[in-house]
Amino acid sequence: MLQLQKWARFKRVRLNKLIIKQLISINLELLAIEEDGYHIFTQALINGKPARLLVDTGASRTVFDADRIRNFLNEEDQQPEKIDKLSTGLGTNTMESHSLVLTEFSLGETTFVDYQAVALNMEHVNQSYRMLGFPEIDGVLGGDLLHELKALIDYRKKEVRWRDENH
């Protein structure tokens, strides 16, 4: 009987550790692009200012539009600096990329401080959205952060959720 009580006490402690982790979720917006296709968008905060992001699980990195990111920078933020290495993706073979550090980048209640970011020219993407009558995007939420957060996309609830390891 004593062993069973010890096991039960151990089990409660383990469960309490799991319960402590806060469940975070952010809303998704699904927009039909063609008859059978959708693009997924969400909101984030860059230095406390709302930003619109395309959610792209196939994108290897979270990136920001090189022109639009300037609207979010504080005086103490580093200005984007050109990276010698060319990036691929977003419908082009190679493009110039820039690095910068964002003071704060928040997804829901999860905040990344001094976030090392990459900025690319996304004018061709935003031009396509303008032609479709959709709002422009400030960046792409990519597979790197979705993987780091161990995020789950729930299409039925139209949300992305994860457990915040810091709470």
Foldseek 3Di string as FASTA:
>chain_A
DVVVVVVVVVVVVVVVLVVPFDKFKWFWDWDDPDPPDTWIWTWKAFQRHIFIATEDAPDPAWAFALVLVVVRADPPWDRWDWDPDWDDDPPDGTFIKTWTFTQWIGDGPDIDGRHIHMHTHNVVVQVVCVVVVHHGGGIYHYNVVCVVQVWDQDPVRRMIMGTHPVD
